[in-house]
Amino acid sequence: MTIVISLGGSIVAPPEGPSGFFLVQFRNVLLSWLKADNRKAIIVVGGGAAARTWQKAYRDFIAHATEPDTGDAGAGSIRLNRVSYLDESLDRIGIAATRLNAQLVKEIFSDYCPDAIVTDPSSDISMHGKILVASGWKPGFSTDYDAVLLAERFHANKILNLSNISQIYSADPKKDPSAEPLAHITFDALLEMTGKVWNPGANVPFDPIAAVKAKELGLTIIFASGTNLENFDKILKEKSFIGTIIA
């Protein structure tokens, strides 16, 4: 049995910085479940706060850079194609953050993860240990999408999406006080909430492009908090848990 974990970068490296103590606890919970001989885990690590912070800096740069009409504009000016390359630049920055976070996760599981970090989920990948760690791939593709491709490649039937939010809500609770947590939601209903377009750094429960692909494959997504390790343990052991099932 192989489970794919889409691990939010905010869990690995929150704004205040990574916690070695938390990573020890996370490792212990996952290794406890992996004791059975037929169990394996693929962990796809996101960019989290680092990606959004660096992406914001680039957006600010774009907003304040001057673009001369003709000739030599002098010091401090720069000519930019603000439309064609912005999204790709933001994605490249986000991918760099995922690879730093993934390297940290790879190191804490180094005794169970002999393979190099997967950076291209479409390639011919082999898994020689109990754990495989992956990072971002290329512009236009989120780590959620990478997780879906790896679930397909290794015949996993579900993805555990761990973020800093415990459940998906019927609406944005910051904007709508009547928003309620959802125990179950269909892919179609999720896509109505998020739209069907991928935006780099977007703070959505699950990448809509990945959701469309997951629906095609018949996958189940379990959305839950990554910091509630007791709840994480219950999910792995298929006990009652707090979260949202997307199917």
C-alpha atoms as a PDB file:
ATOM      1  CA  MET A   1       0.000   0.000   0.000  1.00  0.00           C
ATOM      2  CA  THR A   2       1.390   3.384  -1.025  1.00  0.00           C
ATOM      3  CA  ILE A   3       0.080   6.700   0.253  1.00  0.00           C
ATOM      4  CA  VAL A   4       0.924  10.038  -1.314  1.00  0.00           C
ATOM      5  CA  ILE A   5       1.246  12.998   1.041  1.00  0.00           C
ATOM      6  CA  SER A   6       1.053  16.500  -0.391  1.00  0.00           C
ATOM      7  CA  LEU A   7       2.823  18.266   2.455  1.00  0.00           C
ATOM      8  CA  GLY A   8       2.325  22.016   2.584  1.00  0.00           C
ATOM      9  CA  GLY A   9       5.504  24.045   2.794  1.00  0.00           C
ATOM     10  CA  SER A  10       3.927  25.990   5.652  1.00  0.00           C
ATOM     11  CA  ILE A  11       4.027  22.771   7.696  1.00  0.00           C
ATOM     12  CA  VAL A  12       7.701  22.104   7.027  1.00  0.00           C
ATOM     13  CA  ALA A  13       8.830  25.721   7.228  1.00  0.00           C
ATOM     14  CA  PRO A  14       6.270  28.116   8.721  1.00  0.00           C
ATOM     15  CA  PRO A  15       6.901  31.895   8.688  1.00  0.00           C
ATOM     16  CA  GLU A  16       8.781  31.695  11.989  1.00  0.00           C
ATOM     17  CA  GLY A  17      11.109  29.026  10.579  1.00  0.00           C
ATOM     18  CA  PRO A  18      11.369  25.203  10.628  1.00  0.00           C
ATOM     19  CA  SER A  19      11.063  23.361  13.931  1.00  0.00           C
ATOM     20  CA  GLY A  20      13.362  20.403  14.457  1.00  0.00           C
ATOM     21  CA  PHE A  21      11.176  19.235  17.351  1.00  0.00           C
ATOM     22  CA  PHE A  22       8.066  19.171  15.161  1.00  0.00           C
ATOM     23  CA  LEU A  23       9.927  17.323  12.405  1.00  0.00           C
ATOM     24  CA  VAL A  24      10.951  14.622  14.902  1.00  0.00           C
ATOM     25  CA  GLN A  25       7.313  14.176  15.906  1.00  0.00           C
ATOM     26  CA  PHE A  26       6.135  14.106  12.289  1.00  0.00           C
ATOM     27  CA  ARG A  27       8.792  11.513  11.461  1.00  0.00           C
ATOM     28  CA  ASN A  28       7.774   9.315  14.400  1.00  0.00           C
ATOM     29  CA  VAL A  29       4.090   9.303  13.406  1.00  0.00           C
ATOM     30  CA  LEU A  30       4.798   8.387   9.799  1.00  0.00           C
ATOM     31  CA  LEU A  31       7.395   5.732  10.641  1.00  0.00           C
ATOM     32  CA  SER A  32       4.993   4.125  13.094  1.00  0.00           C
ATOM     33  CA  TRP A  33       2.519   3.603  10.249  1.00  0.00           C
ATOM     34  CA  LEU A  34       5.257   2.432   7.875  1.00  0.00           C
ATOM     35  CA  LYS A  35       6.257  -0.472  10.124  1.00  0.00           C
ATOM     36  CA  ALA A  36       4.097  -2.859   8.102  1.00  0.00           C
ATOM     37  CA  ASP A  37       6.102  -4.453   5.293  1.00  0.00           C
ATOM     38  CA  ASN A  38       3.768  -3.477   2.461  1.00  0.00           C
ATOM     39  CA  ARG A  39       3.482   0.229   3.292  1.00  0.00           C
ATOM     40  CA  LYS A  40       5.272   3.071   1.541  1.00  0.00           C
ATOM     41  CA  ALA A  41       4.893   6.852   1.473  1.00  0.00           C
ATOM     42  CA  ILE A  42       5.590   9.460  -1.183  1.00  0.00           C
ATOM     43  CA  ILE A  43       5.923  12.979   0.236  1.00  0.00           C
ATOM     44  CA  VAL A  44       5.537  15.905  -2.154  1.00  0.00           C
ATOM     45  CA  VAL A  45       6.666  19.093  -0.422  1.00  0.00           C
ATOM     46  CA  GLY A  46       5.286  22.557  -1.144  1.00  0.00           C
ATOM     47  CA  GLY A  47       6.868  25.989  -1.004  1.00  0.00           C
ATOM     48  CA  GLY A  48       4.691  27.498   1.727  1.00  0.00           C
ATOM     49  CA  ALA A  49       5.517  30.825   3.342  1.00  0.00           C
ATOM     50  CA  ALA A  50       8.963  31.032   1.741  1.00  0.00           C
ATOM     51  CA  ALA A  51       7.490  30.749  -1.750  1.00  0.00           C
ATOM     52  CA  ARG A  52       4.816  33.368  -1.077  1.00  0.00           C
ATOM     53  CA  THR A  53       7.285  35.774   0.561  1.00  0.00           C
ATOM     54  CA  TRP A  54       9.767  35.572  -2.313  1.00  0.00           C
ATOM     55  CA  GLN A  55       6.968  35.746  -4.882  1.00  0.00           C
ATOM     56  CA  LYS A  56       5.615  38.866  -3.204  1.00  0.00           C
ATOM     57  CA  ALA A  57       9.043  40.465  -3.437  1.00  0.00           C
ATOM     58  CA  TYR A  58       9.099  39.774  -7.171  1.00  0.00           C
ATOM     59  CA  ARG A  59       5.583  41.148  -7.625  1.00  0.00           C
ATOM     60  CA  ASP A  60       6.637  44.288  -5.769  1.00  0.00           C
ATOM     61  CA  PHE A  61       9.701  44.544  -7.984  1.00  0.00           C
ATOM     62  CA  ILE A  62       7.548  44.293 -11.110  1.00  0.00           C
ATOM     63  CA  ALA A  63       5.119  46.880  -9.760  1.00  0.00           C
ATOM     64  CA  HIS A  64       7.874  49.419  -9.048  1.00  0.00           C
ATOM     65  CA  ALA A  65      10.240  48.769 -11.964  1.00  0.00           C
ATOM     66  CA  THR A  66      10.130  51.444 -14.634  1.00  0.00           C
ATOM     67  CA  GLU A  67       9.888  50.527 -18.285  1.00  0.00           C
ATOM     68  CA  PRO A  68      11.373  53.142 -20.625  1.00  0.00           C
ATOM     69  CA  ASP A  69       9.665  53.832 -23.928  1.00  0.00           C
ATOM     70  CA  THR A  70      12.818  54.422 -25.974  1.00  0.00           C
ATOM     71  CA  GLY A  71      16.549  54.871 -25.664  1.00  0.00           C
ATOM     72  CA  ASP A  72      18.692  54.767 -22.589  1.00  0.00           C
ATOM     73  CA  ALA A  73      16.468  55.355 -19.566  1.00  0.00           C
ATOM     74  CA  GLY A  74      19.370  55.713 -17.192  1.00  0.00           C
ATOM     75  CA  ALA A  75      20.173  54.043 -13.905  1.00  0.00           C
ATOM     76  CA  GLY A  76      17.378  52.373 -12.002  1.00  0.00           C
ATOM     77  CA  SER A  77      15.193  51.646 -15.038  1.00  0.00           C
ATOM     78  CA  ILE A  78      14.543  48.239 -16.519  1.00  0.00           C
ATOM     79  CA  ARG A  79      12.682  46.939 -19.548  1.00  0.00           C
ATOM     80  CA  LEU A  80      10.331  44.065 -18.652  1.00  0.00           C
ATOM     81  CA  ASN A  81       7.707  42.026 -20.425  1.00  0.00           C
ATOM     82  CA  ARG A  82       5.249  42.192 -17.545  1.00  0.00           C
ATOM     83  CA  VAL A  83       2.672  39.849 -19.034  1.00  0.00           C
ATOM     84  CA  SER A  84       4.450  36.978 -20.764  1.00  0.00           C
ATOM     85  CA  TYR A  85       6.928  36.031 -18.061  1.00  0.00           C
ATOM     86  CA  LEU A  86       5.363  37.035 -14.748  1.00  0.00           C
ATOM     87  CA  ASP A  87       3.588  33.752 -14.009  1.00  0.00           C
ATOM     88  CA  GLU A  88       6.565  31.654 -15.101  1.00  0.00           C
ATOM     89  CA  SER A  89       8.921  33.741 -12.971  1.00  0.00           C
ATOM     90  CA  LEU A  90       6.644  33.371  -9.949  1.00  0.00           C
ATOM     91  CA  ASP A  91       6.447  29.618 -10.539  1.00  0.00           C
ATOM     92  CA  ARG A  92      10.236  29.301 -10.794  1.00  0.00           C
ATOM     93  CA  ILE A  93      10.635  31.135  -7.502  1.00  0.00           C
ATOM     94  CA  GLY A  94       8.024  28.907  -5.868  1.00  0.00           C
ATOM     95  CA  ILE A  95       9.685  25.768  -7.229  1.00  0.00           C
ATOM     96  CA  ALA A  96      13.026  26.825  -5.712  1.00  0.00           C
ATOM     97  CA  ALA A  97      11.308  27.103  -2.323  1.00  0.00           C
ATOM     98  CA  THR A  98       9.786  23.622  -2.680  1.00  0.00           C
ATOM     99  CA  ARG A  99      13.205  22.148  -3.377  1.00  0.00           C
ATOM    100  CA  LEU A 100      14.727  23.672  -0.257  1.00  0.00           C
ATOM    101  CA  ASN A 101      11.838  22.362   1.859  1.00  0.00           C
ATOM    102  CA  ALA A 102      11.993  18.961   0.159  1.00  0.00           C
ATOM    103  CA  GLN A 103      15.706  18.677   0.893  1.00  0.00           C
ATOM    104  CA  LEU A 104      14.988  19.200   4.578  1.00  0.00           C
ATOM    105  CA  VAL A 105      12.334  16.455   4.530  1.00  0.00           C
ATOM    106  CA  LYS A 106      14.643  14.161   2.558  1.00  0.00           C
ATOM    107  CA  GLU A 107      17.350  14.577   5.208  1.00  0.00           C
ATOM    108  CA  ILE A 108      15.070  13.805   8.159  1.00  0.00           C
ATOM    109  CA  PHE A 109      14.009  10.575   6.431  1.00  0.00           C
ATOM    110  CA  SER A 110      17.426   9.818   4.897  1.00  0.00           C
ATOM    111  CA  ASP A 111      17.576   6.327   6.447  1.00  0.00           C
ATOM    112  CA  TYR A 112      14.289   5.420   4.738  1.00  0.00           C
ATOM    113  CA  CYS A 113      14.726   7.478   1.558  1.00  0.00           C
ATOM    114  CA  PRO A 114      17.816   6.416  -0.434  1.00  0.00           C
ATOM    115  CA  ASP A 115      16.583   7.989  -3.676  1.00  0.00           C
ATOM    116  CA  ALA A 116      17.269  11.533  -4.795  1.00  0.00           C
ATOM    117  CA  ILE A 117      14.491  14.108  -4.598  1.00  0.00           C
ATOM    118  CA  VAL A 118      12.063  13.703  -7.481  1.00  0.00           C
ATOM    119  CA  THR A 119      11.936  16.905  -9.525  1.00  0.00           C
ATOM    120  CA  ASP A 120      10.137  15.488 -12.567  1.00  0.00           C
ATOM    121  CA  PRO A 121       7.140  13.265 -11.741  1.00  0.00           C
ATOM    122  CA  SER A 122       6.674  12.424 -15.436  1.00  0.00           C
ATOM    123  CA  SER A 123      10.075  10.707 -15.673  1.00  0.00           C
ATOM    124  CA  ASP A 124      10.890   7.026 -15.174  1.00  0.00           C
ATOM    125  CA  ILE A 125      11.039   6.936 -11.372  1.00  0.00           C
ATOM    126  CA  SER A 126      12.078   4.048  -9.155  1.00  0.00           C
ATOM    127  CA  MET A 127      11.483   3.795  -5.417  1.00  0.00           C
ATOM    128  CA  HIS A 128      14.094   1.848  -3.469  1.00  0.00           C
ATOM    129  CA  GLY A 129      13.084   2.682   0.091  1.00  0.00           C
ATOM    130  CA  LYS A 130       9.968   3.057   2.209  1.00  0.00           C
ATOM    131  CA  ILE A 131       9.814   6.804   1.499  1.00  0.00           C
ATOM    132  CA  LEU A 132      10.231   8.908  -1.623  1.00  0.00           C
ATOM    133  CA  VAL A 133      10.416  12.718  -1.476  1.00  0.00           C
ATOM    134  CA  ALA A 134       9.454  15.038  -4.320  1.00  0.00           C
ATOM    135  CA  SER A 135       9.535  18.793  -4.883  1.00  0.00           C
ATOM    136  CA  GLY A 136       8.123  21.189  -7.458  1.00  0.00           C
ATOM    137  CA  TRP A 137       8.545  20.328 -11.138  1.00  0.00           C
ATOM    138  CA  LYS A 138       8.239  23.145 -13.685  1.00  0.00           C
ATOM    139  CA  PRO A 139       6.288  26.364 -14.281  1.00  0.00           C
ATOM    140  CA  GLY A 140       2.577  25.792 -14.734  1.00  0.00           C
ATOM    141  CA  PHE A 141       2.445  22.776 -12.423  1.00  0.00           C
ATOM    142  CA  SER A 142       1.814  22.858  -8.676  1.00  0.00           C
ATOM    143  CA  THR A 143       3.082  20.323  -6.144  1.00  0.00           C
ATOM    144  CA  ASP A 144      -0.547  19.168  -5.801  1.00  0.00           C
ATOM    145  CA  TYR A 145      -0.450  18.251  -9.493  1.00  0.00           C
ATOM    146  CA  ASP A 146       2.902  16.524  -8.989  1.00  0.00           C
ATOM    147  CA  ALA A 147       1.317  14.505  -6.173  1.00  0.00           C
ATOM    148  CA  VAL A 148      -1.503  13.400  -8.483  1.00  0.00           C
ATOM    149  CA  LEU A 149       0.979  12.288 -11.161  1.00  0.00           C
ATOM    150  CA  LEU A 150       2.963  10.324  -8.576  1.00  0.00           C
ATOM    151  CA  ALA A 151      -0.225   8.719  -7.242  1.00  0.00           C
ATOM    152  CA  GLU A 152      -0.951   7.576 -10.785  1.00  0.00           C
ATOM    153  CA  ARG A 153       2.635   6.365 -11.321  1.00  0.00           C
ATOM    154  CA  PHE A 154       2.726   4.306  -8.099  1.00  0.00           C
ATOM    155  CA  HIS A 155      -0.921   3.164  -8.125  1.00  0.00           C
ATOM    156  CA  ALA A 156      -1.970   5.000  -4.968  1.00  0.00           C
ATOM    157  CA  ASN A 157      -5.712   5.536  -4.636  1.00  0.00           C
ATOM    158  CA  LYS A 158      -5.626   8.498  -2.281  1.00  0.00           C
ATOM    159  CA  ILE A 159      -3.660  11.625  -1.513  1.00  0.00           C
ATOM    160  CA  LEU A 160      -3.353  13.072   1.962  1.00  0.00           C
ATOM    161  CA  ASN A 161      -3.162  16.854   1.617  1.00  0.00           C
ATOM    162  CA  LEU A 162      -1.699  18.379   4.777  1.00  0.00           C
ATOM    163  CA  SER A 163      -1.803  22.145   5.201  1.00  0.00           C
ATOM    164  CA  ASN A 164      -2.172  24.723   7.975  1.00  0.00           C
ATOM    165  CA  ILE A 165      -5.985  24.525   7.713  1.00  0.00           C
ATOM    166  CA  SER A 166      -7.933  21.692   9.330  1.00  0.00           C
ATOM    167  CA  GLN A 167     -10.887  21.554   6.924  1.00  0.00           C
ATOM    168  CA  ILE A 168     -12.312  23.025   3.749  1.00  0.00           C
ATOM    169  CA  TYR A 169     -15.117  25.508   4.445  1.00  0.00           C
ATOM    170  CA  SER A 170     -18.280  26.227   2.490  1.00  0.00           C
ATOM    171  CA  ALA A 171     -16.924  29.773   1.970  1.00  0.00           C
ATOM    172  CA  ASP A 172     -13.973  31.864   3.092  1.00  0.00           C
ATOM    173  CA  PRO A 173     -14.530  32.099   6.887  1.00  0.00           C
ATOM    174  CA  LYS A 174     -12.525  35.338   6.981  1.00  0.00           C
ATOM    175  CA  LYS A 175     -15.117  36.944   4.715  1.00  0.00           C
ATOM    176  CA  ASP A 176     -18.254  34.975   5.553  1.00  0.00           C
ATOM    177  CA  PRO A 177     -19.062  34.388   9.262  1.00  0.00           C
ATOM    178  CA  SER A 178     -21.661  31.790   8.269  1.00  0.00           C
ATOM    179  CA  ALA A 179     -19.093  29.572   6.517  1.00  0.00           C
ATOM    180  CA  GLU A 180     -19.142  25.995   7.818  1.00  0.00           C
ATOM    181  CA  PRO A 181     -16.476  23.271   7.800  1.00  0.00           C
ATOM    182  CA  LEU A 182     -17.179  20.446   5.373  1.00  0.00           C
ATOM    183  CA  ALA A 183     -16.609  16.773   6.130  1.00  0.00           C
ATOM    184  CA  HIS A 184     -17.131  15.827   2.466  1.00  0.00           C
ATOM    185  CA  ILE A 185     -17.094  17.713  -0.829  1.00  0.00           C
ATOM    186  CA  THR A 186     -17.192  16.609  -4.457  1.00  0.00           C
ATOM    187  CA  PHE A 187     -14.528  17.616  -6.948  1.00  0.00           C
ATOM    188  CA  ASP A 188     -17.150  19.529  -8.916  1.00  0.00           C
ATOM    189  CA  ALA A 189     -18.209  21.521  -5.855  1.00  0.00           C
ATOM    190  CA  LEU A 190     -14.582  22.258  -4.994  1.00  0.00           C
ATOM    191  CA  LEU A 191     -13.926  23.528  -8.514  1.00  0.00           C
ATOM    192  CA  GLU A 192     -16.928  25.820  -8.264  1.00  0.00           C
ATOM    193  CA  MET A 193     -15.269  27.379  -5.219  1.00  0.00           C
ATOM    194  CA  THR A 194     -11.710  27.608  -6.562  1.00  0.00           C
ATOM    195  CA  GLY A 195     -12.238  28.020 -10.297  1.00  0.00           C
ATOM    196  CA  LYS A 196     -10.290  25.935 -12.798  1.00  0.00           C
ATOM    197  CA  VAL A 197      -7.203  28.076 -13.341  1.00  0.00           C
ATOM    198  CA  TRP A 198      -3.837  27.632 -11.608  1.00  0.00           C
ATOM    199  CA  ASN A 199      -2.337  30.824 -10.169  1.00  0.00           C
ATOM    200  CA  PRO A 200       1.223  30.697  -8.743  1.00  0.00           C
ATOM    201  CA  GLY A 201       1.177  31.205  -4.977  1.00  0.00           C
ATOM    202  CA  ALA A 202      -2.617  30.966  -4.834  1.00  0.00           C
ATOM    203  CA  ASN A 203      -3.872  30.034  -1.378  1.00  0.00           C
ATOM    204  CA  VAL A 204      -6.520  27.469  -2.329  1.00  0.00           C
ATOM    205  CA  PRO A 205      -7.271  24.113  -0.636  1.00  0.00           C
ATOM    206  CA  PHE A 206      -6.144  22.113  -3.674  1.00  0.00           C
ATOM    207  CA  ASP A 207      -4.821  23.170  -7.070  1.00  0.00           C
ATOM    208  CA  PRO A 208      -7.843  23.132  -9.424  1.00  0.00           C
ATOM    209  CA  ILE A 209      -5.826  21.661 -12.322  1.00  0.00           C
ATOM    210  CA  ALA A 210      -4.716  18.852 -10.011  1.00  0.00           C
ATOM    211  CA  ALA A 211      -8.311  18.402  -8.829  1.00  0.00           C
ATOM    212  CA  VAL A 212      -9.496  17.862 -12.415  1.00  0.00           C
ATOM    213  CA  LYS A 213      -6.770  15.251 -12.958  1.00  0.00           C
ATOM    214  CA  ALA A 214      -7.498  13.543  -9.614  1.00  0.00           C
ATOM    215  CA  LYS A 215     -11.185  13.307 -10.532  1.00  0.00           C
ATOM    216  CA  GLU A 216     -10.294  11.695 -13.883  1.00  0.00           C
ATOM    217  CA  LEU A 217      -8.160   9.098 -12.075  1.00  0.00           C
ATOM    218  CA  GLY A 218     -10.808   8.365  -9.438  1.00  0.00           C
ATOM    219  CA  LEU A 219      -8.555   9.428  -6.570  1.00  0.00           C
ATOM    220  CA  THR A 220      -9.719  10.402  -3.110  1.00  0.00           C
ATOM    221  CA  ILE A 221      -8.158  13.473  -1.494  1.00  0.00           C
ATOM    222  CA  ILE A 222      -8.097  13.813   2.289  1.00  0.00           C
ATOM    223  CA  PHE A 223      -7.611  17.427   3.314  1.00  0.00           C
ATOM    224  CA  ALA A 224      -6.464  17.971   6.915  1.00  0.00           C
ATOM    225  CA  SER A 225      -4.174  19.879   9.242  1.00  0.00           C
ATOM    226  CA  GLY A 226      -0.519  18.962   9.087  1.00  0.00           C
ATOM    227  CA  THR A 227       0.292  20.341  12.518  1.00  0.00           C
ATOM    228  CA  ASN A 228      -2.262  18.188  14.374  1.00  0.00           C
ATOM    229  CA  LEU A 229      -0.129  15.071  14.526  1.00  0.00           C
ATOM    230  CA  GLU A 230      -2.620  13.097  16.596  1.00  0.00           C
ATOM    231  CA  ASN A 231      -5.161  13.665  13.829  1.00  0.00           C
ATOM    232  CA  PHE A 232      -2.538  12.756  11.199  1.00  0.00           C
ATOM    233  CA  ASP A 233      -1.992   9.460  13.022  1.00  0.00           C
ATOM    234  CA  LYS A 234      -5.750   8.759  13.005  1.00  0.00           C
ATOM    235  CA  ILE A 235      -5.948   9.354   9.251  1.00  0.00           C
ATOM    236  CA  LEU A 236      -3.095   6.934   8.604  1.00  0.00           C
ATOM    237  CA  LYS A 237      -4.764   4.324  10.814  1.00  0.00           C
ATOM    238  CA  GLU A 238      -8.149   4.936   9.145  1.00  0.00           C
ATOM    239  CA  LYS A 239      -9.787   6.082  12.360  1.00  0.00           C
ATOM    240  CA  SER A 240     -12.280   8.929  12.768  1.00  0.00           C
ATOM    241  CA  PHE A 241     -10.525  12.232  12.034  1.00  0.00           C
ATOM    242  CA  ILE A 242     -11.054  15.958  11.515  1.00  0.00           C
ATOM    243  CA  GLY A 243     -10.726  16.932   7.884  1.00  0.00           C
ATOM    244  CA  THR A 244     -12.461  17.022   4.518  1.00  0.00           C
ATOM    245  CA  ILE A 245     -12.747  14.147   2.081  1.00  0.00           C
ATOM    246  CA  ILE A 246     -12.767  15.184  -1.594  1.00  0.00           C
ATOM    247  CA  ALA A 247     -14.184  12.516  -3.903  1.00  0.00           C
END
